[in-house]
Protein backbone atom coordinates (compact mmCIF):
# COMPACT_ATOMS: atom_id res chain seq x y z
CA UNK A 1 -106.18 17.26 50.17
CA UNK A 2 -102.83 17.36 51.96
CA UNK A 3 -99.85 15.42 50.69
CA UNK A 4 -99.97 13.30 53.85
CA UNK A 5 -103.41 12.05 52.82
CA UNK A 6 -102.23 10.96 49.39
CA UNK A 7 -101.87 7.23 48.72
CA UNK A 8 -98.25 6.01 48.74
CA UNK A 9 -96.25 5.62 45.54
CA UNK A 10 -96.73 2.77 43.09
CA UNK A 11 -94.00 0.54 44.50
CA UNK A 12 -95.16 1.01 48.08
CA UNK A 13 -98.78 0.32 47.13
CA UNK A 14 -97.85 -2.90 45.33
CA UNK A 15 -95.63 -3.95 48.24
CA UNK A 16 -98.46 -3.40 50.70
CA UNK A 17 -101.01 -5.32 48.61
CA UNK A 18 -98.61 -8.22 48.05
CA UNK A 19 -97.96 -8.40 51.80
CA UNK A 20 -101.65 -9.08 52.49
CA UNK A 21 -102.39 -12.79 51.88
CA UNK A 22 -105.70 -13.22 50.03
CA UNK A 23 -105.58 -16.70 48.53
CA UNK A 24 -108.89 -18.04 47.27
CA UNK A 25 -109.27 -21.76 46.77
CA UNK A 26 -111.87 -24.50 46.68
CA UNK A 27 -109.75 -26.14 49.42
CA UNK A 28 -110.59 -24.81 52.91
CA UNK A 29 -106.96 -25.42 53.88
CA UNK A 30 -105.89 -22.65 51.51
CA UNK A 31 -108.86 -20.29 51.37
CA UNK A 32 -108.44 -16.87 53.04
CA UNK A 33 -110.39 -13.63 53.43
CA UNK A 34 -109.72 -10.70 51.10
CA UNK A 35 -111.02 -8.12 53.58
CA UNK A 36 -107.61 -6.57 54.34
CA UNK A 37 -106.94 -5.93 50.64
CA UNK A 38 -110.36 -4.35 50.10
CA UNK A 39 -110.07 -2.17 53.21
CA UNK A 40 -106.60 -0.99 52.16
CA UNK A 41 -107.81 -0.01 48.70
CA UNK A 42 -110.75 1.88 50.22
CA UNK A 43 -108.40 3.75 52.57
CA UNK A 44 -106.29 4.90 49.61
CA UNK A 45 -109.24 5.86 47.42
CA UNK A 46 -111.28 7.91 49.91
CA UNK A 47 -108.73 10.78 50.12
CA UNK A 48 -108.83 10.97 46.32
CA UNK A 49 -112.55 11.75 46.50
CA UNK A 50 -113.99 8.28 45.87
CA UNK A 51 -117.14 7.11 47.59
CA UNK A 52 -116.45 3.54 48.70
CA UNK A 53 -118.96 0.76 49.19
CA UNK A 54 -117.64 -2.48 50.67
CA UNK A 55 -120.12 -5.28 49.95
CA UNK A 56 -120.04 -8.71 51.62
CA UNK A 57 -120.40 -11.56 49.14
CA UNK A 58 -123.59 -13.41 50.17
CA UNK A 59 -122.98 -16.81 51.72
CA UNK A 60 -119.19 -16.40 51.75
CA UNK A 61 -117.76 -15.39 55.12
CA UNK A 62 -114.76 -13.07 54.87
CA UNK A 63 -115.25 -12.27 51.17
CA UNK A 64 -115.92 -8.72 50.00
CA UNK A 65 -116.32 -6.66 46.83
CA UNK A 66 -115.41 -2.98 46.67
CA UNK A 67 -117.14 -0.39 44.48
CA UNK A 68 -115.31 2.96 44.61
CA UNK A 69 -116.93 5.79 42.64
CA UNK A 70 -115.58 9.20 41.66
CA UNK A 71 -118.13 11.55 40.12
CA UNK A 72 -121.75 10.98 39.17
CA UNK A 73 -123.83 10.20 36.14
CA UNK A 74 -125.37 7.33 34.18
CA UNK A 75 -122.35 6.41 32.04
CA UNK A 76 -118.69 6.25 32.86
CA UNK A 77 -115.84 3.78 33.06
CA UNK A 78 -115.12 0.81 35.35
CA UNK A 79 -111.53 -0.24 36.01
CA UNK A 80 -111.92 -3.73 37.43
CA UNK A 81 -109.65 -6.28 39.07
CA UNK A 82 -109.76 -9.20 41.47
CA UNK A 83 -108.18 -9.03 44.90
CA UNK A 84 -107.39 -12.73 45.37
CA UNK A 85 -104.45 -14.87 44.32
CA UNK A 86 -104.00 -18.56 43.65
CA UNK A 87 -102.32 -20.84 46.21
CA UNK A 88 -98.53 -21.01 46.09
CA UNK A 89 -95.62 -23.36 46.80
CA UNK A 90 -93.10 -21.32 48.76
CA UNK A 91 -90.39 -23.97 48.23
CA UNK A 92 -90.26 -23.09 44.54
CA UNK A 93 -89.92 -19.34 45.09
CA UNK A 94 -86.51 -17.64 45.19
CA UNK A 95 -87.89 -14.91 47.47
CA UNK A 96 -90.72 -14.48 49.97
CA UNK A 97 -94.01 -14.52 47.96
CA UNK A 98 -95.43 -11.85 50.32
CA UNK A 99 -92.47 -9.46 50.16
CA UNK A 100 -92.06 -7.37 47.04
CA UNK A 101 -88.53 -7.78 45.72
CA UNK A 102 -86.82 -6.16 42.74
CA UNK A 103 -84.27 -7.83 40.48
CA UNK A 104 -83.63 -7.94 36.73
CA UNK A 105 -85.93 -4.91 36.23
CA UNK A 106 -88.87 -6.86 37.61
CA UNK A 107 -91.03 -6.72 40.73
CA UNK A 108 -91.50 -10.19 42.19
CA UNK A 109 -94.29 -11.24 44.55
CA UNK A 110 -97.53 -13.19 44.70
CA UNK A 111 -100.14 -11.11 42.87
CA UNK A 112 -97.77 -8.67 41.18
CA UNK A 113 -98.88 -9.83 37.75
CA UNK A 114 -102.22 -11.46 38.55
CA UNK A 115 -103.35 -8.89 39.50
CA UNK A 116 -102.85 -6.71 42.57
CA UNK A 117 -100.44 -4.35 40.84
CA UNK A 118 -103.24 -3.22 38.53
CA UNK A 119 -104.96 -1.47 41.45
CA UNK A 120 -101.81 0.49 42.27
CA UNK A 121 -101.45 1.57 38.65
CA UNK A 122 -105.12 2.59 38.46
CA UNK A 123 -104.78 4.67 41.62
CA UNK A 124 -101.63 6.30 40.24
CA UNK A 125 -103.53 7.13 37.05
CA UNK A 126 -106.15 8.94 39.14
CA UNK A 127 -103.66 10.86 41.26
CA UNK A 128 -104.01 14.58 40.56
CA UNK A 129 -107.26 14.13 38.63
CA UNK A 130 -109.68 17.00 39.24
CA UNK A 131 -113.02 15.31 39.95
CA UNK A 132 -114.80 18.51 38.90
CA UNK A 133 -113.69 17.86 35.32
CA UNK A 134 -115.39 14.48 35.16
CA UNK A 135 -118.41 14.42 32.89
CA UNK A 136 -118.97 10.73 33.58
CA UNK A 137 -118.06 8.74 36.70
CA UNK A 138 -114.94 6.67 37.19
CA UNK A 139 -115.43 3.44 39.14
CA UNK A 140 -112.67 1.24 40.53
CA UNK A 141 -114.05 -2.24 41.17
CA UNK A 142 -112.29 -4.86 43.30
CA UNK A 143 -113.78 -8.35 43.43
CA UNK A 144 -113.46 -11.49 45.53
CA UNK A 145 -112.73 -15.10 44.59
CA UNK A 146 -112.02 -14.77 40.87
CA UNK A 147 -109.42 -17.52 41.12
CA UNK A 148 -111.87 -20.07 42.52
CA UNK A 149 -115.65 -19.61 42.35
CA UNK A 150 -116.01 -16.18 40.67
CA UNK A 151 -118.77 -15.64 43.22
CA UNK A 152 -117.71 -12.03 43.75
CA UNK A 153 -118.53 -11.12 40.16
CA UNK A 154 -121.67 -13.27 40.22
CA UNK A 155 -122.90 -11.41 43.31
CA UNK A 156 -122.37 -8.06 41.61
CA UNK A 157 -124.30 -9.16 38.53
CA UNK A 158 -127.16 -10.38 40.74
CA UNK A 159 -127.15 -7.07 42.63
CA UNK A 160 -127.16 -5.08 39.39
CA UNK A 161 -124.03 -3.11 40.34
CA UNK A 162 -122.03 -1.24 39.30
CA UNK A 163 -123.69 0.62 36.47
CA UNK A 164 -121.50 2.18 33.81
CA UNK A 165 -121.11 2.20 30.05
CA UNK A 166 -117.61 0.74 29.69
CA UNK A 167 -115.48 -1.71 31.68
CA UNK A 168 -111.78 -2.57 31.47
CA UNK A 169 -110.60 -5.65 33.37
CA UNK A 170 -106.89 -5.32 34.15
CA UNK A 171 -105.89 -8.98 33.83
CA UNK A 172 -102.34 -9.53 32.52
CA UNK A 173 -102.49 -9.22 28.72
CA UNK A 174 -99.12 -7.53 28.08
CA UNK A 175 -101.12 -4.34 27.46
CA UNK A 176 -102.85 -5.86 24.44
CA UNK A 177 -106.65 -5.53 24.26
CA UNK A 178 -108.62 -8.78 24.51
CA UNK A 179 -112.19 -8.75 23.26
CA UNK A 180 -113.08 -12.43 23.51
CA UNK A 181 -112.25 -15.57 25.46
CA UNK A 182 -113.49 -19.12 25.74
CA UNK A 183 -115.69 -20.31 28.56
CA UNK A 184 -114.82 -22.96 31.14
CA UNK A 185 -117.02 -25.83 32.30
CA UNK A 186 -115.80 -28.47 34.75
CA UNK A 187 -118.15 -31.44 35.03
CA UNK A 188 -118.55 -34.58 37.14
CA UNK A 189 -120.05 -37.82 35.80
CA UNK A 190 -120.75 -40.73 38.18
CA UNK A 191 -122.04 -44.23 37.41
CA UNK A 192 -123.26 -46.53 40.22
CA UNK A 193 -123.70 -50.23 39.51
CA UNK A 194 -123.45 -53.43 41.53
CA UNK A 195 -120.27 -55.16 42.71
CA UNK A 196 -119.82 -58.92 42.46
CA UNK A 197 -117.31 -61.68 41.82
CA UNK A 198 -115.43 -61.09 38.59
CA UNK A 199 -115.73 -64.75 37.58
CA UNK A 200 -119.36 -64.17 36.60
CA UNK A 201 -120.27 -60.80 35.00
CA UNK A 202 -123.96 -61.57 35.56
CA UNK A 203 -123.46 -61.13 39.32
CA UNK A 204 -123.04 -57.36 39.02
CA UNK A 205 -123.36 -54.24 36.91
CA UNK A 206 -119.98 -52.83 35.93
CA UNK A 207 -119.78 -49.05 36.33
CA UNK A 208 -116.32 -48.93 34.78
CA UNK A 209 -117.55 -50.55 31.58
CA UNK A 210 -120.40 -48.06 31.53
CA UNK A 211 -117.88 -45.22 31.89
CA UNK A 212 -115.86 -46.65 29.01
CA UNK A 213 -118.94 -46.39 26.81
CA UNK A 214 -119.67 -42.89 28.15
CA UNK A 215 -116.16 -41.71 27.31
CA UNK A 216 -116.68 -42.88 23.74
CA UNK A 217 -119.89 -40.81 23.58
CA UNK A 218 -118.12 -37.73 25.01
CA UNK A 219 -115.32 -38.01 22.46
CA UNK A 220 -117.91 -38.34 19.69
CA UNK A 221 -119.62 -35.19 20.95
CA UNK A 222 -116.26 -33.41 21.00
CA UNK A 223 -115.63 -34.39 17.39
CA UNK A 224 -119.08 -33.14 16.41
CA UNK A 225 -118.64 -29.79 18.20
CA UNK A 226 -115.18 -29.30 16.70
CA UNK A 227 -116.57 -29.99 13.24
CA UNK A 228 -119.38 -27.45 13.69
CA UNK A 229 -117.68 -24.66 15.66
CA UNK A 230 -114.47 -22.87 14.76
CA UNK A 231 -113.12 -19.38 15.44
CA UNK A 232 -109.84 -18.41 13.75
CA UNK A 233 -109.25 -15.61 16.29
CA UNK A 234 -108.17 -18.25 18.83
CA UNK A 235 -104.85 -20.09 18.82
CA UNK A 236 -106.84 -23.29 19.45
CA UNK A 237 -109.64 -22.54 17.03
CA UNK A 238 -112.13 -25.19 18.21
CA UNK A 239 -113.90 -25.95 21.48
CA UNK A 240 -112.00 -28.46 23.61
CA UNK A 241 -113.03 -31.27 25.94
CA UNK A 242 -110.39 -32.71 28.26
CA UNK A 243 -110.80 -35.97 30.19
CA UNK A 244 -109.06 -34.89 33.37
CA UNK A 245 -109.28 -37.66 35.96
CA UNK A 246 -111.11 -40.94 36.57
CA UNK A 247 -111.59 -43.11 39.66
CA UNK A 248 -113.33 -46.46 39.84
CA UNK A 249 -113.30 -49.87 41.43
CA UNK A 250 -111.18 -51.27 44.23
CA UNK A 251 -109.77 -54.64 43.11
CA UNK A 252 -109.10 -56.55 39.85
CA UNK A 253 -111.30 -59.49 40.88
CA UNK A 254 -114.38 -57.41 41.82
CA UNK A 255 -116.94 -56.03 39.40
CA UNK A 256 -116.60 -52.25 39.59
CA UNK A 257 -119.56 -50.77 41.48
CA UNK A 258 -118.75 -47.06 41.15
CA UNK A 259 -116.84 -44.97 38.65
CA UNK A 260 -116.38 -41.19 38.56
CA UNK A 261 -115.03 -39.03 35.74
CA UNK A 262 -114.09 -35.33 35.85
CA UNK A 263 -113.68 -33.43 32.58
CA UNK A 264 -113.57 -29.87 31.35
CA UNK A 265 -115.11 -28.13 28.36
CA UNK A 266 -113.93 -24.84 26.87
CA UNK A 267 -116.70 -23.52 24.60
CA UNK A 268 -116.26 -20.78 22.03
CA UNK A 269 -118.29 -17.56 22.03
CA UNK A 270 -121.73 -18.39 20.67
CA UNK A 271 -121.92 -21.79 22.40
CA UNK A 272 -124.43 -22.02 25.25
CA UNK A 273 -123.33 -23.93 28.35
CA UNK A 274 -126.83 -25.14 29.28
CA UNK A 275 -127.29 -26.47 25.76
CA UNK A 276 -123.97 -28.31 25.95
CA UNK A 277 -124.96 -29.97 29.23
CA UNK A 278 -128.30 -30.93 27.70
CA UNK A 279 -126.49 -32.52 24.72
CA UNK A 280 -124.36 -34.57 27.10
CA UNK A 281 -127.37 -35.79 29.07
CA UNK A 282 -129.21 -36.78 25.89
CA UNK A 283 -126.30 -39.01 24.90
CA UNK A 284 -125.50 -40.53 28.29
CA UNK A 285 -128.89 -41.17 29.91
CA UNK A 286 -129.93 -43.91 27.44
CA UNK A 287 -126.54 -45.55 27.90
CA UNK A 288 -126.99 -45.66 31.68
CA UNK A 289 -130.52 -47.08 31.36
CA UNK A 290 -129.39 -49.83 28.98
CA UNK A 291 -126.78 -50.95 31.49
CA UNK A 292 -129.03 -50.51 34.54
CA UNK A 293 -126.64 -47.99 36.07
CA UNK A 294 -127.52 -45.04 38.27
CA UNK A 295 -126.11 -41.86 36.75
CA UNK A 296 -125.30 -38.48 38.30
CA UNK A 297 -124.11 -35.58 36.15
CA UNK A 298 -123.34 -32.21 37.75
CA UNK A 299 -120.98 -29.22 37.43
CA UNK A 300 -117.92 -29.15 39.67
CA UNK A 301 -118.50 -25.37 39.68
CA UNK A 302 -120.99 -23.16 37.90
CA UNK A 303 -118.64 -22.40 35.05
CA UNK A 304 -117.63 -19.26 33.19
CA UNK A 305 -119.50 -18.42 29.98
CA UNK A 306 -117.58 -17.54 26.84
CA UNK A 307 -117.17 -13.81 26.24
CA UNK A 308 -117.10 -11.58 23.18
CA UNK A 309 -117.31 -7.86 22.56
CA UNK A 310 -117.89 -6.89 18.90
CA UNK A 311 -114.84 -5.77 16.96
CA UNK A 312 -116.51 -2.46 16.06
CA UNK A 313 -117.46 -1.55 19.66
CA UNK A 314 -116.33 1.92 20.72
CA UNK A 315 -114.30 0.58 23.65
CA UNK A 316 -112.47 -1.91 21.41
CA UNK A 317 -111.62 0.75 18.84
CA UNK A 318 -110.41 3.15 21.56
CA UNK A 319 -108.19 0.54 23.20
CA UNK A 320 -106.72 -0.43 19.84
CA UNK A 321 -105.92 3.22 19.13
CA UNK A 322 -104.33 3.78 22.56
CA UNK A 323 -102.24 0.60 22.52
CA UNK A 324 -101.42 0.31 18.84
CA UNK A 325 -102.53 -3.35 18.89
CA UNK A 326 -105.55 -5.02 17.34
CA UNK A 327 -107.87 -6.72 19.83
CA UNK A 328 -107.19 -10.42 20.26
CA UNK A 329 -108.69 -13.58 21.77
CA UNK A 330 -107.37 -15.71 24.65
CA UNK A 331 -108.11 -19.14 26.06
CA UNK A 332 -108.15 -18.16 29.74
CA UNK A 333 -111.39 -16.97 31.36
CA UNK A 334 -112.14 -13.76 33.26
CA UNK A 335 -114.99 -11.96 35.01
CA UNK A 336 -115.90 -10.23 31.73
CA UNK A 337 -119.19 -12.14 31.16
CA UNK A 338 -120.65 -10.78 34.41
CA UNK A 339 -119.67 -7.17 33.71
CA UNK A 340 -121.10 -7.60 30.23
CA UNK A 341 -124.30 -8.91 31.82
CA UNK A 342 -124.54 -5.57 33.66
CA UNK A 343 -124.82 -3.87 30.28
CA UNK A 344 -121.24 -2.63 29.84
CA UNK A 345 -119.02 -2.79 26.79
CA UNK A 346 -116.17 -4.84 28.24
CA UNK A 347 -112.57 -5.52 27.35
CA UNK A 348 -109.66 -7.26 29.09
CA UNK A 349 -106.47 -5.19 29.12
CA UNK A 350 -103.71 -4.95 31.70
CA UNK A 351 -99.98 -5.05 32.46
CA UNK A 352 -97.94 -8.22 32.84
CA UNK A 353 -98.03 -11.49 30.94
CA UNK A 354 -100.36 -14.41 31.60
CA UNK A 355 -97.24 -16.58 31.22
CA UNK A 356 -96.10 -15.35 34.65
CA UNK A 357 -99.49 -15.84 36.32
CA UNK A 358 -99.98 -18.83 38.66
CA UNK A 359 -96.22 -19.47 38.62
CA UNK A 360 -93.49 -19.45 41.27
CA UNK A 361 -91.51 -16.19 41.13
CA UNK A 362 -94.49 -14.35 39.66
CA UNK A 363 -93.38 -10.91 38.49
CA UNK A 364 -94.35 -7.67 36.79
CA UNK A 365 -91.79 -6.22 34.39
CA UNK A 366 -90.95 -2.60 35.27
CA UNK A 367 -91.16 -1.77 31.57
CA UNK A 368 -94.94 -2.27 31.78
CA UNK A 369 -95.54 0.18 34.64
CA UNK A 370 -95.40 3.62 33.04
CA UNK A 371 -97.09 2.53 29.79
CA UNK A 372 -99.94 1.04 31.86
CA UNK A 373 -100.42 4.27 33.83
CA UNK A 374 -100.37 6.29 30.60
CA UNK A 375 -102.92 3.94 29.01
CA UNK A 376 -105.25 4.16 32.00
CA UNK A 377 -105.04 7.95 32.00
CA UNK A 378 -105.95 7.91 28.32
CA UNK A 379 -109.00 5.74 29.00
CA UNK A 380 -110.12 7.99 31.87
CA UNK A 381 -109.71 11.06 29.67
CA UNK A 382 -111.69 9.48 26.82
CA UNK A 383 -114.59 8.01 28.75
CA UNK A 384 -114.89 10.22 31.83
CA UNK A 385 -113.56 13.69 30.91
CA UNK A 386 -114.20 14.32 27.21
């Protein structure tokens, strides 16, 4: 391989990736394709000896996953990241979100921390690696739509790819290994009644009053779950339920015909999302029948299951030894449950802090760059070469 065929340096790679808008959002006004990011990564990886497979995400125009494989065999290591970013408010940035800028020993730009820079660091870790020395394959995985639907990871799980023994997701964890996180459920509850003149309650069926009773039931369920489930590894040790927004009625002197509530649930590892939804239905359906209200209960999105890798797993122990930190738990969710579903020991570990993610002036501290490359080289050596 000639030097001209080599991928550019770390800074130039990050600058190029940041310059390629790849916002994913439930709002069509914001949502963009990630194809340019995936194609760029493939162009850099092929000269390093990787076989690249660009896979359209079914039912999602312009969305692609990339599986890039170096070496062959049944085991191996996946270094995984998502190619999309959240939407942004350019007015709150002090520099162009799509132009990498350096100040205060930091690289600023949309996606520097969460998490385009991880791909550049993974590629740098591979640079100079002799593929003939690999006893197990190395796979770099780039996914679509993690910040919105997670449909990229879902599609991979449904396709049964990639296959490996270990997976590291490079989300920003300040280079501390994360072996568990809570799940996320976002739910919609709707009551439909009958409007009428407020002077006579018998003229209608008040959906807002029904929602008031439903909220009491949801808060009782929350109290019950928090009494029964606790995990001291988390900063917030119990499952949470947040009443996020409510809309109902149109005038003070009309009986409210329709009321809609959106809420989120963050279950702990060991809590089943289908069972939680079933518990909610069991409590709310009788309430709706008693008040002669039509009820609709549905997810706002499919949700992310809670995730946990055992503390004694080989990957956890290795990452603890390489970083000098014990594995921790976080409240934010990742694509880990779907990689775990593919049969891989999975951990979340990457450069940058989650405190900078989803913020104006997102940045990656330069102090994280070389330690991240060294860590990734250590993982490759342990799981692909030795």
